[in-house]
Amino acid sequence: MPFSMHDKNIVDDVAEDLTYDVIIVGSGAAALMSACRCRDLGATVLVLEKTDRIGGTSATSGGGIWVPNNAQMAVAGVADCEKDAFDYLRNVIPADQISDATIRTYISWSSKMIEYLGQIGVPYSPVKKYPDYYPSLPGWKEGGRTMDCEPFDGRKLGDDLYLLREMPGASKAFGRINLSITEASKIQAVAKGWQKIAMKALMRYLTDVKGRLKGRRDRRLCMGEALVGRLLLAVRKREIDFLLNSPVTGLIREGSRVCGVEVERQDGQIQRIKSRRGVIVAAGGFEHSAGMRKQYLANPTQPDWSAGSPGNTGDLINAGRKIGAAIGRMNEAWWAPVVRWGEKTIVLFFEKSKPGLIIVDRMGRRFMNESITYNSYGKCIYGEDYTLSQHVPAYVIFDGHYRKRYMFAGLLQASMSPDWMNRKAFGPDGLLQKASTLRELATRLEIDVDGLEATAVEVASYAKTGIDEKFGRGSDEHDRMYGDERVKPNPCLGSMAKGPFYGARLYPGDIGTKGGLVINDHAQVLDEGEQPIEGLYAAGNSTASIMGDKYPGAGCTLGPALTMVFRASNSIMQFDAG
């Protein structure tokens, strides 16, 4: 039998024929919420996870959800309405990619989804002063639409805590201590009081003696870990069946209807599991498939450049295609700049906005606004039509002043953790190259020496005036959010004059792909004739994103995934939620 979370009876394979009302593929936030919703509506439910860990990319993410016009926005002191939300999304997302109807569906149903999360023990609150990503557009808001999951006491999960996929060390204080979005934002922005927040988190971690005896893992869960941890507890309370190490190899279609899945057992045999109502796919994208990346994404590209869950190899996208499902937006990803440290891929979310850091090409020249939203790095590096390759890799460069004051890729600032304490971080096999002069650093990274020195002089002049004459860095609220408010006149611009100097190769990575199965506004998977395939639903990165090729605000990955899987759960159970 499959194991149920409540009895801890983990069985790695299926030894008998099984039938459920609903089968859900994946174990990220969308999959777990869907399992709860379907169970609450009376279904028997089976959740299938390919790997030996629960949570997928959701667990390693910031856990934020973008919900415009949510009921709690007044707490953040922001006024919103459906019109403002629609105007903003319509101006961000090209009309030839996403319809007005889909945008309106998202606006109305995301609020219902977030209300349901609260009802099942996953409370969210709006983040003040976390602006949408396109400040110049109508309907933009300075905060409140991005919502943060309340931290969660992981001890409530018992040993199941250690089945959760863990956030990367670069997202944690001191490489191991969890922080909420609000806490992390203040620390990364070196805002007033950030030291107090960091030290309080450290003391809380150190005084959890029982937790330290069990290992390094922080039992106070935040961000994506809190979201998945809370959902896992909700799943366990509902006694929902759950199988780990169970890759789905195919969808069973009989006539016009999908009525089950094929699962690979550990002995290599294929087990057929039937579903009375249908299958919901929430299994992630294809970011770790070398073949699919090469076929669909801009090149050069590598699975190692992705921070997505390692099990995301597009299995269910391909399974859908085999039964006639349409696919779309396959050339898109949730792009993000990444650096490599050994086998680790580290996303630069906050670091790129700080003064004293620049990004250059092989000629040592800047080619973009470094502080731009991370999703925009894809087209900045590859070009608008994804045909360029000369910026791969690019190079991130900063000086000793930056190193002293700011974190970089999980490496604490030198004022707290000097270079001599982090010797493995430097050199050919480390995170950064280090040199006493810019010329020496350029030589080590094989960058044009004269070009880099000229760029440093140019940026120093911009820092004095506060105006980036080439790319407008630091000119809007999104850019300035993670700048340094102590630096004047522009919190994102600083001269690069203080040695030593540091640099690393920077790649066009991602936090997941955003192309896949085409769905309608009920999350039904469509065939190539744009007709729904009966019994097959999908959401999240397994689908062609309803955000098009854009990223309107923090939480626009999880927001659509959760909203559309909520729609899928209601649809598959034939429940009218209004």
Protein backbone atom coordinates (compact mmCIF):
# COMPACT_ATOMS: atom_id res chain seq x y z
CA MET A 1 0.00 0.00 0.00
CA PRO A 2 1.11 3.58 -0.42
CA PHE A 3 2.14 5.30 2.76
CA SER A 4 -0.15 7.79 4.43
CA MET A 5 1.55 10.67 6.15
CA HIS A 6 -0.27 9.96 9.39
CA ASP A 7 1.10 6.46 9.91
CA LYS A 8 4.67 6.90 8.59
CA ASN A 9 4.38 3.56 6.77
CA ILE A 10 6.58 4.35 3.78
CA VAL A 11 6.48 1.79 1.01
CA ASP A 12 8.62 2.46 -2.05
CA ASP A 13 6.57 0.55 -4.59
CA VAL A 14 2.99 -0.42 -5.34
CA ALA A 15 2.23 -4.10 -5.02
CA GLU A 16 -1.41 -4.16 -6.07
CA ASP A 17 -3.89 -2.62 -8.47
CA LEU A 18 -5.22 0.64 -7.11
CA THR A 19 -7.98 3.06 -8.01
CA TYR A 20 -8.49 6.57 -6.64
CA ASP A 21 -10.90 9.36 -7.44
CA VAL A 22 -8.04 11.77 -8.17
CA ILE A 23 -4.35 11.20 -8.87
CA ILE A 24 -2.00 14.15 -8.41
CA VAL A 25 1.48 14.11 -9.92
CA GLY A 26 4.12 16.14 -8.08
CA SER A 27 4.64 17.23 -4.48
CA GLY A 28 5.21 20.99 -4.70
CA ALA A 29 2.87 23.55 -3.21
CA ALA A 30 0.33 23.27 -6.03
CA ALA A 31 0.18 19.48 -5.80
CA LEU A 32 -0.20 19.44 -2.02
CA MET A 33 -2.87 22.13 -1.98
CA SER A 34 -4.76 20.31 -4.72
CA ALA A 35 -4.63 17.11 -2.68
CA CYS A 36 -6.18 18.92 0.28
CA ARG A 37 -8.86 20.61 -1.82
CA CYS A 38 -9.92 17.42 -3.59
CA ARG A 39 -9.98 15.53 -0.29
CA ASP A 40 -12.07 18.28 1.33
CA LEU A 41 -14.52 17.93 -1.54
CA GLY A 42 -14.89 14.21 -0.84
CA ALA A 43 -12.35 12.51 -3.11
CA THR A 44 -9.97 9.70 -2.42
CA VAL A 45 -6.57 11.06 -3.45
CA LEU A 46 -3.13 9.71 -4.29
CA VAL A 47 -0.08 11.98 -4.55
CA LEU A 48 2.90 10.70 -6.58
CA GLU A 49 6.39 12.17 -6.20
CA LYS A 50 9.24 11.18 -8.48
CA THR A 51 12.10 11.79 -6.01
CA ASP A 52 12.78 10.89 -2.39
CA ARG A 53 12.02 14.43 -1.17
CA ILE A 54 8.82 16.44 -0.88
CA GLY A 55 8.26 19.98 -2.07
CA GLY A 56 9.89 20.36 -5.47
CA THR A 57 10.99 23.86 -6.43
CA SER A 58 8.28 25.31 -4.17
CA ALA A 59 10.18 24.24 -1.07
CA THR A 60 13.40 25.89 -2.25
CA SER A 61 11.71 29.11 -3.33
CA GLY A 62 10.91 32.33 -1.51
CA GLY A 63 7.39 31.00 -1.02
CA GLY A 64 5.84 34.35 -1.93
CA ILE A 65 2.48 34.51 -3.71
CA TRP A 66 1.44 37.49 -5.83
CA VAL A 67 -2.24 38.20 -5.13
CA PRO A 68 -3.55 41.52 -6.46
CA ASN A 69 -6.50 43.13 -4.67
CA ASN A 70 -6.16 40.68 -1.78
CA ALA A 71 -8.34 41.21 1.28
CA GLN A 72 -5.38 42.10 3.50
CA MET A 73 -3.81 44.87 1.43
CA ALA A 74 -5.12 47.53 3.79
CA VAL A 75 -2.68 46.13 6.38
CA ALA A 76 0.11 47.18 4.05
CA GLY A 77 -1.45 50.60 3.65
CA VAL A 78 -2.08 50.06 -0.07
CA ALA A 79 -5.35 50.58 -1.91
CA ASP A 80 -6.01 48.18 -4.77
CA CYS A 81 -8.94 47.23 -6.97
CA GLU A 82 -9.70 44.85 -9.83
CA LYS A 83 -9.30 47.63 -12.38
CA ASP A 84 -5.80 48.56 -11.17
CA ALA A 85 -4.80 44.91 -11.11
CA PHE A 86 -6.14 44.32 -14.60
CA ASP A 87 -4.54 47.48 -16.00
CA TYR A 88 -1.19 46.49 -14.55
CA LEU A 89 -1.22 42.90 -15.82
CA ARG A 90 -2.59 43.91 -19.21
CA ASN A 91 0.22 46.44 -19.62
CA VAL A 92 2.89 43.96 -18.49
CA ILE A 93 1.80 40.84 -20.39
CA PRO A 94 1.57 41.12 -24.20
CA ALA A 95 -2.02 40.79 -25.44
CA ASP A 96 -1.03 38.24 -28.06
CA GLN A 97 0.21 35.90 -25.33
CA ILE A 98 -2.54 35.94 -22.69
CA SER A 99 -6.21 36.89 -23.07
CA ASP A 100 -8.14 39.44 -21.05
CA ALA A 101 -10.35 36.62 -19.76
CA THR A 102 -7.38 34.70 -18.34
CA ILE A 103 -6.08 37.80 -16.58
CA ARG A 104 -9.49 38.43 -15.03
CA THR A 105 -9.69 34.77 -13.99
CA TYR A 106 -6.39 35.08 -12.20
CA ILE A 107 -7.33 38.29 -10.40
CA SER A 108 -10.62 36.93 -9.06
CA TRP A 109 -9.51 33.37 -8.28
CA SER A 110 -6.16 34.15 -6.66
CA SER A 111 -8.04 35.84 -3.81
CA LYS A 112 -10.26 32.77 -3.37
CA MET A 113 -7.18 30.55 -3.43
CA ILE A 114 -5.36 32.54 -0.74
CA GLU A 115 -8.51 32.45 1.42
CA TYR A 116 -8.59 28.65 1.12
CA LEU A 117 -4.94 28.39 2.09
CA GLY A 118 -5.71 30.28 5.28
CA GLN A 119 -8.61 27.94 6.03
CA ILE A 120 -6.37 24.85 5.89
CA GLY A 121 -3.61 26.28 8.07
CA VAL A 122 -1.40 28.15 5.58
CA PRO A 123 -1.76 31.83 6.55
CA TYR A 124 -0.30 34.55 4.35
CA SER A 125 0.19 38.26 4.97
CA PRO A 126 1.06 41.10 2.56
CA VAL A 127 4.63 42.37 2.46
CA LYS A 128 4.86 46.13 2.90
CA LYS A 129 7.09 48.03 0.50
CA TYR A 130 7.70 45.05 -1.79
CA PRO A 131 6.94 46.74 -5.14
CA ASP A 132 5.67 45.14 -8.31
CA TYR A 133 8.42 44.71 -10.89
CA TYR A 134 7.31 47.29 -13.49
CA PRO A 135 6.93 50.64 -11.66
CA SER A 136 6.35 52.73 -14.78
CA LEU A 137 3.13 50.98 -15.79
CA PRO A 138 -0.49 51.88 -14.92
CA GLY A 139 -1.91 49.94 -11.99
CA TRP A 140 1.50 49.36 -10.38
CA LYS A 141 1.59 49.16 -6.58
CA GLU A 142 4.44 49.85 -4.18
CA GLY A 143 3.64 46.84 -2.02
CA GLY A 144 0.99 44.56 -0.60
CA ARG A 145 0.41 42.28 -3.60
CA THR A 146 3.31 40.01 -2.74
CA MET A 147 2.31 37.88 0.24
CA ASP A 148 4.61 36.01 2.63
CA CYS A 149 3.81 32.70 4.31
CA GLU A 150 3.85 32.84 8.10
CA PRO A 151 6.85 30.96 9.59
CA PHE A 152 6.06 27.44 10.77
CA ASP A 153 7.28 25.29 13.64
CA GLY A 154 8.72 22.31 11.80
CA ARG A 155 8.63 20.23 14.98
CA LYS A 156 4.93 19.69 14.31
CA LEU A 157 5.92 17.43 11.42
CA GLY A 158 8.06 15.12 13.52
CA ASP A 159 10.42 13.08 11.38
CA ASP A 160 8.52 14.10 8.25
CA LEU A 161 10.38 17.40 8.52
CA TYR A 162 13.45 15.68 7.13
CA LEU A 163 11.54 14.56 4.03
CA LEU A 164 11.14 18.19 2.98
CA ARG A 165 13.43 19.49 0.27
CA GLU A 166 15.53 22.22 1.88
CA MET A 167 16.20 25.75 0.72
CA PRO A 168 19.78 26.39 -0.49
CA GLY A 169 22.28 27.73 2.02
CA ALA A 170 22.65 30.95 0.02
CA SER A 171 19.05 31.80 0.95
CA LYS A 172 19.68 31.39 4.66
CA ALA A 173 21.40 33.56 7.25
CA PHE A 174 24.85 32.18 8.04
CA GLY A 175 24.13 29.49 5.45
CA ARG A 176 21.71 27.61 7.68
CA ILE A 177 19.19 29.85 9.47
CA ASN A 178 15.77 30.42 7.92
CA LEU A 179 14.34 33.91 7.44
CA SER A 180 10.96 35.17 6.31
CA ILE A 181 10.70 37.32 3.18
CA THR A 182 10.31 40.41 5.37
CA GLU A 183 13.35 39.53 7.49
CA ALA A 184 15.50 38.61 4.50
CA SER A 185 14.48 41.76 2.65
CA LYS A 186 15.64 43.97 5.50
CA ILE A 187 18.93 42.12 5.88
CA GLN A 188 19.68 42.08 2.16
CA ALA A 189 18.77 45.76 1.86
CA VAL A 190 20.98 46.52 4.90
CA ALA A 191 18.00 48.48 6.17
CA LYS A 192 17.90 49.98 9.64
CA GLY A 193 17.87 47.25 12.28
CA TRP A 194 19.11 44.44 10.02
CA GLN A 195 21.86 43.42 12.47
CA LYS A 196 19.30 42.95 15.24
CA ILE A 197 17.18 40.72 13.00
CA ALA A 198 20.21 38.61 12.05
CA MET A 199 21.42 38.18 15.64
CA LYS A 200 17.94 37.33 16.92
CA ALA A 201 17.67 34.61 14.27
CA LEU A 202 21.11 33.29 15.23
CA MET A 203 20.28 33.11 18.93
CA ARG A 204 16.98 31.38 18.26
CA TYR A 205 18.75 28.80 16.12
CA LEU A 206 21.52 28.16 18.64
CA THR A 207 19.14 27.77 21.58
CA ASP A 208 17.14 25.04 19.81
CA VAL A 209 19.27 22.41 21.54
CA LYS A 210 17.18 19.41 20.51
CA GLY A 211 17.27 20.57 16.92
CA ARG A 212 21.04 20.97 16.98
CA LEU A 213 21.41 17.44 18.35
CA LYS A 214 19.48 16.21 15.29
CA GLY A 215 21.62 18.18 12.85
CA ARG A 216 22.11 21.55 11.16
CA ARG A 217 18.60 21.93 9.80
CA ASP A 218 16.65 24.89 11.17
CA ARG A 219 13.31 23.71 12.55
CA ARG A 220 11.75 27.14 12.21
CA LEU A 221 10.55 26.99 8.61
CA CYS A 222 10.20 30.12 6.49
CA MET A 223 9.50 31.05 2.88
CA GLY A 224 9.05 28.00 0.65
CA GLU A 225 9.82 25.56 3.44
CA ALA A 226 7.04 27.09 5.57
CA LEU A 227 4.57 26.87 2.69
CA VAL A 228 5.33 23.23 1.92
CA GLY A 229 5.67 22.31 5.59
CA ARG A 230 2.24 23.71 6.41
CA LEU A 231 0.70 22.00 3.40
CA LEU A 232 2.38 18.73 4.30
CA LEU A 233 0.82 18.93 7.77
CA ALA A 234 -2.57 19.57 6.16
CA VAL A 235 -2.08 16.55 3.87
CA ARG A 236 -1.11 14.39 6.83
CA LYS A 237 -4.18 15.46 8.83
CA ARG A 238 -6.36 14.37 5.91
CA GLU A 239 -4.67 10.95 5.76
CA ILE A 240 -3.96 11.34 2.06
CA ASP A 241 -1.99 8.55 0.40
CA PHE A 242 1.44 9.59 -0.81
CA LEU A 243 4.15 7.73 -2.71
CA LEU A 244 7.79 8.85 -2.94
CA ASN A 245 10.30 7.47 -5.47
CA SER A 246 7.44 6.95 -7.91
CA PRO A 247 8.12 8.50 -11.33
CA VAL A 248 5.11 8.66 -13.61
CA THR A 249 6.09 7.31 -17.02
CA GLY A 250 2.81 7.75 -18.85
CA LEU A 251 -0.82 8.82 -18.81
CA ILE A 252 -3.55 6.25 -19.40
CA ARG A 253 -6.09 7.41 -21.97
CA GLU A 254 -9.11 5.33 -22.82
CA GLY A 255 -11.09 6.81 -25.65
CA SER A 256 -11.37 10.53 -25.07
CA ARG A 257 -10.64 10.38 -21.34
CA VAL A 258 -7.52 10.23 -19.17
CA CYS A 259 -8.25 7.70 -16.44
CA GLY A 260 -4.95 7.00 -14.73
CA VAL A 261 -1.17 6.87 -14.80
CA GLU A 262 1.65 4.45 -15.27
CA VAL A 263 4.21 4.46 -12.47
CA GLU A 264 7.68 2.94 -12.50
CA ARG A 265 8.31 0.75 -9.47
CA GLN A 266 11.71 0.31 -7.90
CA ASP A 267 12.02 -3.13 -9.47
CA GLY A 268 11.64 -1.51 -12.89
CA GLN A 269 8.13 -2.82 -13.49
CA ILE A 270 5.33 -0.50 -14.60
CA GLN A 271 2.28 -0.23 -12.33
CA ARG A 272 -1.03 1.11 -13.70
CA ILE A 273 -3.03 3.19 -11.21
CA LYS A 274 -6.54 4.19 -12.25
CA SER A 275 -8.50 7.33 -11.45
CA ARG A 276 -12.28 7.71 -11.51
CA ARG A 277 -12.33 11.49 -11.98
CA GLY A 278 -8.98 12.22 -13.56
CA VAL A 279 -5.36 13.28 -13.14
CA ILE A 280 -3.94 16.64 -12.04
CA VAL A 281 -0.39 17.34 -13.22
CA ALA A 282 1.68 19.67 -11.04
CA ALA A 283 5.07 18.11 -11.64
CA GLY A 284 7.32 21.05 -12.55
CA GLY A 285 9.04 21.93 -15.79
CA PHE A 286 11.93 20.54 -17.84
CA GLU A 287 14.84 22.59 -16.52
CA HIS A 288 16.96 19.54 -15.70
CA SER A 289 16.53 17.83 -19.07
CA ALA A 290 19.62 18.52 -21.16
CA GLY A 291 17.85 17.38 -24.31
CA MET A 292 14.74 19.52 -23.85
CA ARG A 293 16.79 22.58 -22.89
CA LYS A 294 18.86 22.22 -26.04
CA GLN A 295 15.76 21.70 -28.17
CA TYR A 296 13.57 24.48 -26.80
CA LEU A 297 15.58 27.10 -24.87
CA ALA A 298 18.15 29.58 -26.07
CA ASN A 299 21.64 28.15 -26.47
CA PRO A 300 24.16 27.69 -25.01
CA THR A 301 22.39 26.33 -21.97
CA GLN A 302 23.01 23.72 -19.28
CA PRO A 303 20.84 21.95 -16.67
CA ASP A 304 23.53 22.91 -14.14
CA TRP A 305 22.52 26.55 -14.56
CA SER A 306 19.07 25.87 -13.12
CA ALA A 307 18.06 26.23 -9.48
CA GLY A 308 14.88 24.22 -10.09
CA SER A 309 14.16 20.89 -8.43
CA PRO A 310 16.51 18.15 -9.74
CA GLY A 311 13.59 15.87 -10.62
CA ASN A 312 12.13 18.32 -13.12
CA THR A 313 12.95 16.74 -16.47
CA GLY A 314 9.68 17.35 -18.31
CA ASP A 315 8.32 13.82 -17.92
CA LEU A 316 4.67 14.82 -17.72
CA ILE A 317 4.98 17.35 -20.53
CA ASN A 318 6.23 14.55 -22.76
CA ALA A 319 3.58 12.16 -21.43
CA GLY A 320 0.93 14.71 -22.32
CA ARG A 321 2.29 15.11 -25.82
CA LYS A 322 2.09 11.35 -26.37
CA ILE A 323 -1.67 11.42 -25.84
CA GLY A 324 -2.23 14.46 -28.04
CA ALA A 325 -1.86 17.41 -25.66
CA ALA A 326 -0.77 20.77 -27.04
CA ILE A 327 2.33 22.49 -25.68
CA GLY A 328 3.30 26.15 -25.69
CA ARG A 329 5.78 28.79 -24.54
CA MET A 330 8.54 26.17 -24.58
CA ASN A 331 11.27 28.75 -25.26
CA GLU A 332 10.61 30.53 -21.97
CA ALA A 333 11.93 30.12 -18.44
CA TRP A 334 11.75 31.94 -15.17
CA TRP A 335 15.17 33.37 -15.94
CA ALA A 336 17.64 34.36 -13.25
CA PRO A 337 21.37 35.21 -13.15
CA VAL A 338 23.39 32.47 -11.51
CA VAL A 339 26.95 31.77 -10.43
CA ARG A 340 28.52 28.40 -9.75
CA TRP A 341 30.44 27.25 -6.68
CA GLY A 342 31.61 23.72 -7.28
CA GLU A 343 28.44 21.68 -7.83
CA LYS A 344 26.19 24.39 -6.44
CA THR A 345 24.15 26.82 -8.52
CA ILE A 346 23.43 30.09 -6.73
CA VAL A 347 20.86 32.63 -7.92
CA LEU A 348 21.69 36.31 -7.49
CA PHE A 349 18.38 37.80 -6.37
CA PHE A 350 19.52 40.72 -4.23
CA GLU A 351 23.23 41.12 -4.80
CA LYS A 352 22.93 42.63 -8.27
CA SER A 353 21.29 45.83 -6.98
CA LYS A 354 24.01 46.89 -4.56
CA PRO A 355 26.41 49.74 -5.39
CA GLY A 356 29.91 48.70 -6.38
CA LEU A 357 28.87 45.71 -8.49
CA ILE A 358 28.64 45.58 -12.27
CA ILE A 359 28.01 42.96 -14.95
CA VAL A 360 30.11 42.99 -18.11
CA ASP A 361 30.75 41.00 -21.26
CA ARG A 362 34.05 39.60 -22.52
CA MET A 363 35.04 43.05 -23.72
CA GLY A 364 34.64 44.41 -20.20
CA ARG A 365 31.60 46.50 -21.15
CA ARG A 366 28.26 46.72 -19.39
CA PHE A 367 25.30 45.70 -21.56
CA MET A 368 22.33 45.97 -19.19
CA ASN A 369 20.80 47.44 -16.04
CA GLU A 370 22.12 45.08 -13.38
CA SER A 371 19.26 45.89 -10.96
CA ILE A 372 16.50 44.86 -13.38
CA THR A 373 14.10 42.07 -12.37
CA TYR A 374 15.88 38.70 -12.50
CA ASN A 375 13.41 37.27 -15.03
CA SER A 376 14.49 39.98 -17.49
CA TYR A 377 18.06 38.63 -17.47
CA GLY A 378 17.07 36.03 -20.07
CA LYS A 379 16.40 38.58 -22.78
CA CYS A 380 19.15 40.91 -21.60
CA ILE A 381 21.71 38.14 -22.07
CA TYR A 382 20.24 36.18 -25.00
CA GLY A 383 18.53 39.09 -26.74
CA GLU A 384 14.84 39.80 -27.33
CA ASP A 385 14.48 36.88 -29.72
CA TYR A 386 16.87 34.58 -27.81
CA THR A 387 19.41 34.37 -30.64
CA LEU A 388 22.50 35.94 -29.07
CA SER A 389 25.32 34.00 -27.45
CA GLN A 390 28.16 36.51 -27.02
CA HIS A 391 27.12 37.35 -23.45
CA VAL A 392 27.36 33.73 -22.28
CA PRO A 393 29.02 33.73 -19.91
CA ALA A 394 28.87 37.28 -18.59
CA TYR A 395 30.96 38.41 -15.63
CA VAL A 396 29.95 39.88 -12.28
CA ILE A 397 32.60 42.23 -10.86
CA PHE A 398 32.81 44.09 -7.55
CA ASP A 399 35.38 45.78 -5.34
CA GLY A 400 36.61 45.50 -1.78
CA HIS A 401 34.14 48.04 -0.49
CA TYR A 402 31.23 45.91 -1.78
CA ARG A 403 32.81 42.77 -0.32
CA LYS A 404 33.14 44.42 3.10
CA ARG A 405 29.53 45.61 3.28
CA TYR A 406 27.33 43.13 1.43
CA MET A 407 26.58 39.42 1.19
CA PHE A 408 27.24 37.71 -2.12
CA ALA A 409 25.83 34.31 -3.11
CA GLY A 410 25.56 33.25 0.53
CA LEU A 411 29.05 34.45 1.40
CA LEU A 412 28.75 36.78 4.38
CA GLN A 413 30.16 40.27 4.03
CA ALA A 414 33.84 40.59 4.94
CA SER A 415 33.02 42.80 7.92
CA MET A 416 31.44 39.71 9.51
CA SER A 417 33.37 36.94 7.76
CA PRO A 418 36.78 38.06 6.38
CA ASP A 419 38.40 36.41 3.37
CA TRP A 420 40.86 34.47 5.53
CA MET A 421 37.89 32.64 7.04
CA ASN A 422 36.61 31.66 3.56
CA ARG A 423 39.70 30.53 1.66
CA LYS A 424 37.78 27.86 -0.27
CA ALA A 425 35.57 30.58 -1.76
CA PHE A 426 38.42 31.98 -3.84
CA GLY A 427 40.38 30.58 -6.75
CA PRO A 428 39.67 28.44 -9.83
CA ASP A 429 37.47 25.96 -7.93
CA GLY A 430 35.79 28.51 -5.68
CA LEU A 431 32.98 31.00 -5.98
CA LEU A 432 35.11 34.02 -6.85
CA GLN A 433 38.37 35.02 -8.44
CA LYS A 434 40.25 37.58 -6.35
CA ALA A 435 42.95 40.03 -7.44
CA SER A 436 44.67 43.12 -6.10
CA THR A 437 43.90 45.17 -9.24
CA LEU A 438 41.20 45.27 -11.88
CA ARG A 439 43.76 44.50 -14.57
CA GLU A 440 44.83 41.35 -12.77
CA LEU A 441 41.23 40.28 -12.25
CA ALA A 442 40.41 40.87 -15.92
CA THR A 443 43.36 38.71 -16.94
CA ARG A 444 42.29 35.87 -14.66
CA LEU A 445 38.75 35.92 -16.00
CA GLU A 446 39.88 36.43 -19.61
CA ILE A 447 38.11 39.78 -19.93
CA ASP A 448 39.45 42.62 -22.05
CA VAL A 449 41.62 44.59 -19.61
CA ASP A 450 41.25 48.03 -21.17
CA GLY A 451 37.51 47.60 -21.58
CA LEU A 452 37.00 46.72 -17.91
CA GLU A 453 39.10 49.62 -16.67
CA ALA A 454 37.23 52.04 -18.92
CA THR A 455 33.92 50.72 -17.63
CA ALA A 456 35.04 51.23 -14.03
CA VAL A 457 35.87 54.88 -14.79
CA GLU A 458 32.49 55.33 -16.48
CA VAL A 459 30.55 53.82 -13.58
CA ALA A 460 32.45 55.99 -11.08
CA SER A 461 31.23 59.09 -12.92
CA TYR A 462 27.65 57.78 -12.82
CA ALA A 463 27.97 57.16 -9.09
CA LYS A 464 28.89 60.81 -8.52
CA THR A 465 25.91 62.17 -10.45
CA GLY A 466 23.50 59.40 -9.47
CA ILE A 467 22.47 58.92 -13.09
CA ASP A 468 23.29 55.80 -15.11
CA GLU A 469 23.35 57.43 -18.54
CA LYS A 470 23.41 54.14 -20.42
CA PHE A 471 20.90 51.87 -18.70
CA GLY A 472 19.08 53.91 -16.05
CA ARG A 473 20.08 51.72 -13.14
CA GLY A 474 18.53 52.81 -9.85
CA SER A 475 15.94 55.04 -11.50
CA ASP A 476 12.82 53.29 -10.20
CA GLU A 477 11.49 51.74 -7.01
CA HIS A 478 12.11 48.17 -8.10
CA ASP A 479 15.80 48.84 -8.67
CA ARG A 480 16.16 50.72 -5.40
CA MET A 481 14.39 48.07 -3.31
CA TYR A 482 17.62 46.12 -2.82
CA GLY A 483 20.03 49.01 -3.17
CA ASP A 484 21.73 50.57 -0.16
CA GLU A 485 19.71 53.51 1.16
CA ARG A 486 22.84 54.83 2.88
CA VAL A 487 24.47 55.48 -0.48
CA LYS A 488 23.69 58.82 -2.13
CA PRO A 489 22.58 60.06 -4.60
CA ASN A 490 21.75 56.64 -6.13
CA PRO A 491 21.52 53.57 -3.83
CA CYS A 492 22.41 51.24 -6.72
CA LEU A 493 25.51 53.02 -8.02
CA GLY A 494 28.97 53.06 -6.49
CA SER A 495 32.50 53.51 -7.74
CA MET A 496 34.78 50.47 -8.04
CA ALA A 497 37.94 51.95 -6.61
CA LYS A 498 38.86 49.94 -3.53
CA GLY A 499 40.88 46.75 -3.86
CA PRO A 500 40.99 43.85 -3.71
CA PHE A 501 38.66 43.11 -6.61
CA TYR A 502 36.41 40.09 -7.09
CA GLY A 503 34.72 38.46 -10.05
CA ALA A 504 32.86 35.38 -11.24
CA ARG A 505 31.39 33.99 -14.41
CA LEU A 506 27.66 34.64 -14.58
CA TYR A 507 25.24 32.43 -16.50
CA PRO A 508 21.65 32.84 -17.78
CA GLY A 509 20.12 30.40 -15.33
CA ASP A 510 16.58 29.94 -14.12
CA ILE A 511 14.36 28.93 -11.23
CA GLY A 512 12.31 26.72 -13.55
CA THR A 513 11.00 26.61 -17.09
CA LYS A 514 7.64 28.15 -17.98
CA GLY A 515 6.58 26.24 -21.06
CA GLY A 516 4.49 23.09 -21.15
CA LEU A 517 0.97 21.78 -21.48
CA VAL A 518 -1.55 24.31 -22.76
CA ILE A 519 -4.51 24.78 -20.41
CA ASN A 520 -7.75 26.74 -20.45
CA ASP A 521 -9.11 28.93 -17.64
CA HIS A 522 -10.43 25.85 -15.82
CA ALA A 523 -6.91 24.33 -15.91
CA GLN A 524 -8.04 21.64 -18.34
CA VAL A 525 -5.30 20.45 -20.66
CA LEU A 526 -6.09 21.16 -24.30
CA ASP A 527 -5.33 19.03 -27.32
CA GLU A 528 -3.84 20.40 -30.53
CA GLY A 529 -7.34 21.30 -31.70
CA GLU A 530 -7.75 23.49 -28.59
CA GLN A 531 -10.32 21.13 -27.10
CA PRO A 532 -10.14 19.93 -23.46
CA ILE A 533 -8.82 16.43 -22.87
CA GLU A 534 -11.37 14.92 -20.52
CA GLY A 535 -9.95 13.96 -17.13
CA LEU A 536 -6.61 15.79 -17.52
CA TYR A 537 -5.75 18.97 -15.65
CA ALA A 538 -2.47 20.78 -15.06
CA ALA A 539 -0.95 23.80 -13.33
CA GLY A 540 2.37 25.47 -12.56
CA ASN A 541 5.57 24.89 -14.49
CA SER A 542 4.13 21.81 -16.19
CA THR A 543 2.04 24.27 -18.23
CA ALA A 544 2.51 27.19 -20.59
CA SER A 545 2.60 30.03 -18.07
CA ILE A 546 -0.44 32.29 -17.79
CA MET A 547 2.01 35.13 -17.13
CA GLY A 548 3.32 34.87 -20.69
CA ASP A 549 7.00 35.73 -20.97
CA LYS A 550 6.82 38.27 -18.12
CA TYR A 551 7.21 38.33 -14.33
CA PRO A 552 4.86 41.03 -12.97
CA GLY A 553 5.92 40.70 -9.34
CA ALA A 554 7.46 38.49 -6.67
CA GLY A 555 5.28 35.39 -6.31
CA CYS A 556 4.14 35.22 -9.93
CA THR A 557 5.43 31.66 -10.21
CA LEU A 558 3.59 30.22 -7.21
CA GLY A 559 0.58 32.52 -7.57
CA PRO A 560 -0.55 31.17 -10.96
CA ALA A 561 0.38 27.59 -10.00
CA LEU A 562 -1.76 27.64 -6.86
CA THR A 563 -4.59 29.59 -8.44
CA MET A 564 -4.92 27.31 -11.46
CA VAL A 565 -4.61 24.13 -9.42
CA PHE A 566 -7.38 25.47 -7.19
CA ARG A 567 -9.44 25.86 -10.34
CA ALA A 568 -8.45 22.35 -11.42
CA SER A 569 -9.45 20.83 -8.09
CA ASN A 570 -12.88 22.46 -8.17
CA SER A 571 -13.37 21.46 -11.80
CA ILE A 572 -12.37 17.84 -11.40
CA MET A 573 -14.74 17.55 -8.41
CA GLN A 574 -17.45 19.46 -10.30
CA PHE A 575 -17.68 21.98 -7.49
CA ASP A 576 -18.92 25.49 -8.21
CA ALA A 577 -16.96 27.85 -5.95
CA GLY A 578 -18.74 30.92 -7.31
